[in-house]
Amino acid sequence: MKITTVITTALTLAAAGPVLLAADAAPKAATPAAQPSPFTGPNGTPGGPRQYEVEELTPIVNRALRGGRNYEQGKKVFETIGCTMCHLFGGGAGGIGPDLSGVGGRFGAFEILQSILEPSANVSDLYSTKIIITKDDKTVKGKLDSEGETNVVLIQAPLFDPETKTMSWAGGPKISVKTSDIVSMEEDPISPMPPGMINGNKEDEIADMMAYLMSGGNPSNRMFQPLAPAATPAPAAAAAPAAKK
């Protein structure tokens, strides 16, 4: 239920006044229903895939990245959710989005998770698209291909290359707009990348994917090493018996 719905319902009930009970009926305290944990626990239970929030997921991922991550699962998730279709990584193909090869050395978990869950929060002009409004009130969107004195050409959609299994603006359908017909041309504030691409994954899968991404695809990274066992505290020394007088 949305927060606005909860607030609206509460205000409506308050305006209606108190509910009258029968004279001989005593109000009973409602027993709140047990709520399932919104997060997954050890081995992915309880809970499961859900809509994540950056602020909630960041500390969980930071703790998980201390070690014990699964390299193969991280690589699989990275590829399955489609990262390699649009991004360069470790010498791969792509290029619609920024190169992710060194992202772990430039950004922390919060920034990376935000770019995945909320890609429109910070759109680089290098990878954004344009929105053109014309005199006849038409809207044209696309990647800027060329801008001249008489015409502006936009690529309206990228193409999927089945051989490399990547997306590319090269060869995409184009549209030419006369500069004399343009009222405005601005950056599109909405990222071409869909939001929440990891919402279908459990936390341990997300942590493995983040370790794979932040390590630059290096299976020898410390994040993939076994966690050191917790140190057992030494037993307290027994108190010496008091000397007899």
Protein backbone atom coordinates (compact mmCIF):
# COMPACT_ATOMS: atom_id res chain seq x y z
CA MET A 1 0.00 0.00 0.00
CA LYS A 2 1.36 3.43 -0.90
CA ILE A 3 2.18 5.92 1.85
CA THR A 4 -0.24 8.44 0.35
CA THR A 5 -3.05 5.88 0.54
CA VAL A 6 -2.28 5.19 4.20
CA ILE A 7 -2.28 8.90 5.06
CA THR A 8 -5.53 9.52 3.14
CA THR A 9 -7.24 6.62 4.89
CA ALA A 10 -6.10 7.82 8.32
CA LEU A 11 -7.37 11.36 7.68
CA THR A 12 -10.73 10.04 6.47
CA LEU A 13 -11.21 7.91 9.58
CA ALA A 14 -10.22 10.79 11.86
CA ALA A 15 -12.75 13.10 10.21
CA ALA A 16 -15.52 10.53 10.63
CA GLY A 17 -15.07 10.52 14.41
CA PRO A 18 -14.70 7.59 16.81
CA VAL A 19 -16.45 4.30 16.11
CA LEU A 20 -19.17 3.60 18.75
CA LEU A 21 -19.10 0.22 20.45
CA ALA A 22 -21.95 -1.59 22.16
CA ALA A 23 -22.28 -0.65 25.83
CA ASP A 24 -21.38 -4.13 27.03
CA ALA A 25 -18.57 -4.69 24.49
CA ALA A 26 -15.03 -3.94 25.56
CA PRO A 27 -12.53 -3.01 22.85
CA LYS A 28 -10.03 -5.73 22.13
CA ALA A 29 -6.47 -5.01 21.20
CA ALA A 30 -5.74 -6.17 17.67
CA THR A 31 -3.01 -8.74 17.33
CA PRO A 32 -0.69 -7.59 14.55
CA ALA A 33 -0.06 -10.20 11.89
CA ALA A 34 3.49 -11.40 11.58
CA GLN A 35 5.14 -9.69 8.66
CA PRO A 36 7.59 -11.64 6.49
CA SER A 37 11.10 -10.29 6.37
CA PRO A 38 11.59 -8.05 3.32
CA PHE A 39 15.12 -9.37 3.02
CA THR A 40 16.56 -12.77 2.28
CA GLY A 41 18.53 -14.50 4.98
CA PRO A 42 21.23 -17.18 4.86
CA ASN A 43 21.03 -19.30 1.70
CA GLY A 44 18.42 -16.95 0.26
CA THR A 45 15.65 -17.53 2.82
CA PRO A 46 13.24 -16.23 4.00
CA GLY A 47 11.89 -13.68 1.56
CA GLY A 48 12.90 -13.44 -2.06
CA PRO A 49 12.92 -11.13 -5.07
CA ARG A 50 11.37 -7.74 -4.35
CA GLN A 51 11.60 -4.07 -5.22
CA TYR A 52 14.78 -2.89 -3.54
CA GLU A 53 15.62 0.56 -2.21
CA VAL A 54 19.18 1.88 -2.50
CA GLU A 55 19.38 2.97 1.14
CA GLU A 56 18.20 -0.42 2.40
CA LEU A 57 20.32 -2.58 0.13
CA THR A 58 23.64 -0.71 0.41
CA PRO A 59 24.62 -1.73 3.97
CA ILE A 60 23.58 -5.33 3.27
CA VAL A 61 25.77 -5.46 0.18
CA ASN A 62 28.68 -3.75 1.95
CA ARG A 63 28.64 -6.40 4.66
CA ALA A 64 28.40 -9.18 2.09
CA LEU A 65 31.37 -7.88 0.09
CA ARG A 66 33.78 -8.59 2.95
CA GLY A 67 34.32 -12.06 1.52
CA GLY A 68 32.78 -15.41 0.74
CA ARG A 69 31.14 -14.36 -2.53
CA ASN A 70 30.46 -16.73 -5.44
CA TYR A 71 32.34 -15.66 -8.58
CA GLU A 72 30.47 -17.89 -11.02
CA GLN A 73 27.06 -16.82 -9.73
CA GLY A 74 28.08 -13.16 -9.85
CA LYS A 75 29.18 -13.51 -13.48
CA LYS A 76 25.97 -15.33 -14.37
CA VAL A 77 23.73 -12.67 -12.81
CA PHE A 78 25.74 -9.88 -14.48
CA GLU A 79 25.17 -11.48 -17.87
CA THR A 80 21.61 -12.65 -17.27
CA ILE A 81 20.19 -9.24 -16.35
CA GLY A 82 21.65 -7.85 -19.59
CA CYS A 83 24.63 -5.75 -18.50
CA THR A 84 26.84 -7.05 -21.31
CA MET A 85 24.31 -6.02 -23.95
CA CYS A 86 24.96 -2.32 -23.40
CA HIS A 87 28.23 -2.00 -21.49
CA LEU A 88 31.87 -2.74 -22.10
CA PHE A 89 33.39 -4.90 -19.36
CA GLY A 90 36.79 -6.52 -19.34
CA GLY A 91 37.29 -6.18 -23.07
CA GLY A 92 33.77 -7.18 -24.07
CA ALA A 93 31.64 -5.62 -26.77
CA GLY A 94 28.95 -2.99 -26.40
CA GLY A 95 28.95 0.72 -25.85
CA ILE A 96 25.43 2.12 -25.50
CA GLY A 97 26.20 2.68 -21.82
CA PRO A 98 29.46 3.60 -20.03
CA ASP A 99 32.39 1.20 -19.75
CA LEU A 100 32.08 -0.73 -16.48
CA SER A 101 35.54 -2.30 -16.49
CA GLY A 102 36.97 -0.04 -13.76
CA VAL A 103 33.78 0.99 -11.99
CA GLY A 104 34.82 -0.68 -8.72
CA GLY A 105 37.84 1.59 -8.41
CA ARG A 106 35.83 4.78 -8.95
CA PHE A 107 32.58 4.23 -7.11
CA GLY A 108 31.27 2.60 -3.95
CA ALA A 109 28.36 0.23 -3.50
CA PHE A 110 25.84 3.06 -2.96
CA GLU A 111 26.64 4.83 -6.24
CA ILE A 112 26.66 1.59 -8.22
CA LEU A 113 23.40 0.33 -6.72
CA GLN A 114 21.78 3.71 -7.38
CA SER A 115 22.87 3.60 -11.01
CA ILE A 116 21.21 0.17 -11.32
CA LEU A 117 18.04 0.79 -9.33
CA GLU A 118 17.58 4.47 -10.25
CA PRO A 119 19.48 5.06 -13.51
CA SER A 120 17.68 8.33 -14.19
CA ALA A 121 19.03 9.86 -10.96
CA ASN A 122 22.24 10.83 -12.75
CA VAL A 123 22.30 10.62 -16.55
CA SER A 124 25.61 11.42 -18.27
CA ASP A 125 25.24 13.60 -21.35
CA LEU A 126 27.62 11.19 -23.10
CA TYR A 127 24.98 8.46 -23.02
CA SER A 128 21.73 10.38 -22.87
CA THR A 129 19.28 10.92 -25.71
CA LYS A 130 17.73 14.13 -27.02
CA ILE A 131 14.15 15.40 -26.98
CA ILE A 132 13.17 17.75 -29.83
CA ILE A 133 9.93 19.75 -29.83
CA THR A 134 8.91 21.08 -33.25
CA LYS A 135 6.74 24.04 -34.28
CA ASP A 136 3.82 21.73 -35.05
CA ASP A 137 4.05 20.40 -31.47
CA LYS A 138 5.61 17.07 -32.37
CA THR A 139 8.09 15.33 -30.05
CA VAL A 140 11.08 13.52 -31.52
CA LYS A 141 13.45 11.47 -29.37
CA GLY A 142 16.73 9.76 -30.14
CA LYS A 143 20.51 9.71 -29.89
CA LEU A 144 22.16 12.72 -31.53
CA ASP A 145 23.86 11.59 -34.75
CA SER A 146 24.69 14.95 -36.29
CA GLU A 147 23.81 18.61 -35.88
CA GLY A 148 24.25 21.02 -38.78
CA GLU A 149 23.08 24.46 -39.82
CA THR A 150 20.00 23.13 -41.60
CA ASN A 151 19.24 19.75 -40.05
CA VAL A 152 19.55 17.74 -36.85
CA VAL A 153 19.69 13.96 -37.23
CA LEU A 154 18.69 11.62 -34.43
CA ILE A 155 19.09 7.84 -34.23
CA GLN A 156 15.71 6.70 -32.98
CA ALA A 157 16.64 3.28 -31.62
CA PRO A 158 19.72 1.07 -31.18
CA LEU A 159 20.04 -2.25 -32.98
CA PHE A 160 20.79 -5.68 -31.50
CA ASP A 161 23.69 -7.53 -33.08
CA PRO A 162 23.00 -11.29 -32.80
CA GLU A 163 26.67 -12.13 -33.42
CA THR A 164 28.12 -10.05 -30.59
CA LYS A 165 24.84 -10.15 -28.60
CA THR A 166 25.14 -6.43 -27.91
CA MET A 167 23.21 -3.26 -28.68
CA SER A 168 24.65 -0.51 -30.87
CA TRP A 169 23.46 2.87 -32.11
CA ALA A 170 25.35 2.28 -35.35
CA GLY A 171 22.95 1.40 -38.14
CA GLY A 172 19.86 2.33 -36.17
CA PRO A 173 16.91 4.07 -37.86
CA LYS A 174 17.43 7.81 -38.23
CA ILE A 175 15.18 10.84 -38.49
CA SER A 176 16.16 14.26 -39.79
CA VAL A 177 14.57 17.42 -38.41
CA LYS A 178 14.97 20.86 -39.97
CA THR A 179 16.57 23.32 -37.59
CA SER A 180 14.03 25.93 -38.70
CA ASP A 181 11.25 23.66 -37.37
CA ILE A 182 12.84 23.13 -33.94
CA VAL A 183 11.38 24.98 -30.97
CA SER A 184 13.59 23.28 -28.38
CA MET A 185 16.16 20.49 -28.07
CA GLU A 186 17.11 19.22 -24.62
CA GLU A 187 18.68 16.23 -22.91
CA ASP A 188 16.17 13.53 -22.02
CA PRO A 189 16.16 13.29 -18.18
CA ILE A 190 15.06 9.65 -18.42
CA SER A 191 17.90 7.17 -18.80
CA PRO A 192 17.71 4.66 -21.66
CA MET A 193 18.52 2.03 -19.04
CA PRO A 194 15.45 0.46 -17.39
CA PRO A 195 15.28 0.94 -13.60
CA GLY A 196 15.41 -1.86 -11.04
CA MET A 197 17.08 -4.50 -13.19
CA ILE A 198 18.13 -6.48 -10.09
CA ASN A 199 14.67 -6.54 -8.50
CA GLY A 200 14.22 -10.11 -9.70
CA ASN A 201 17.26 -11.34 -7.78
CA LYS A 202 17.85 -12.39 -4.20
CA GLU A 203 20.30 -10.55 -2.01
CA ASP A 204 23.03 -13.17 -2.20
CA GLU A 205 22.81 -13.06 -6.01
CA ILE A 206 23.02 -9.27 -5.98
CA ALA A 207 26.02 -9.38 -3.63
CA ASP A 208 27.78 -11.88 -5.91
CA MET A 209 27.03 -9.72 -8.96
CA MET A 210 28.32 -6.60 -7.18
CA ALA A 211 31.51 -8.45 -6.20
CA TYR A 212 31.99 -9.56 -9.81
CA LEU A 213 31.42 -6.02 -11.08
CA MET A 214 33.51 -4.21 -8.45
CA SER A 215 36.38 -6.70 -8.79
CA GLY A 216 36.59 -6.05 -12.52
CA GLY A 217 35.78 -9.71 -13.12
CA ASN A 218 38.83 -10.91 -11.13
CA PRO A 219 38.13 -14.29 -9.47
CA SER A 220 41.20 -13.85 -7.23
CA ASN A 221 39.78 -10.74 -5.58
CA ARG A 222 39.50 -10.91 -1.79
CA MET A 223 35.71 -10.67 -2.08
CA PHE A 224 35.73 -14.22 -3.47
CA GLN A 225 37.98 -15.57 -0.73
CA PRO A 226 36.46 -17.54 2.18
CA LEU A 227 35.52 -15.49 5.17
CA ALA A 228 37.87 -15.87 8.11
CA PRO A 229 36.21 -17.70 11.02
CA ALA A 230 35.12 -15.48 13.85
CA ALA A 231 37.64 -15.37 16.66
CA THR A 232 36.55 -17.23 19.78
CA PRO A 233 36.93 -15.00 22.85
CA ALA A 234 39.40 -16.33 25.41
CA PRO A 235 37.80 -17.56 28.64
CA ALA A 236 38.03 -15.15 31.52
CA ALA A 237 40.78 -15.98 33.99
CA ALA A 238 39.51 -17.51 37.21
CA ALA A 239 39.77 -15.23 40.22
CA ALA A 240 42.56 -16.17 42.62
CA PRO A 241 41.29 -17.46 46.03
CA ALA A 242 41.59 -14.99 48.82
CA ALA A 243 44.56 -15.65 51.16
CA LYS A 244 43.63 -16.97 54.62
CA LYS A 245 44.67 -14.90 57.57
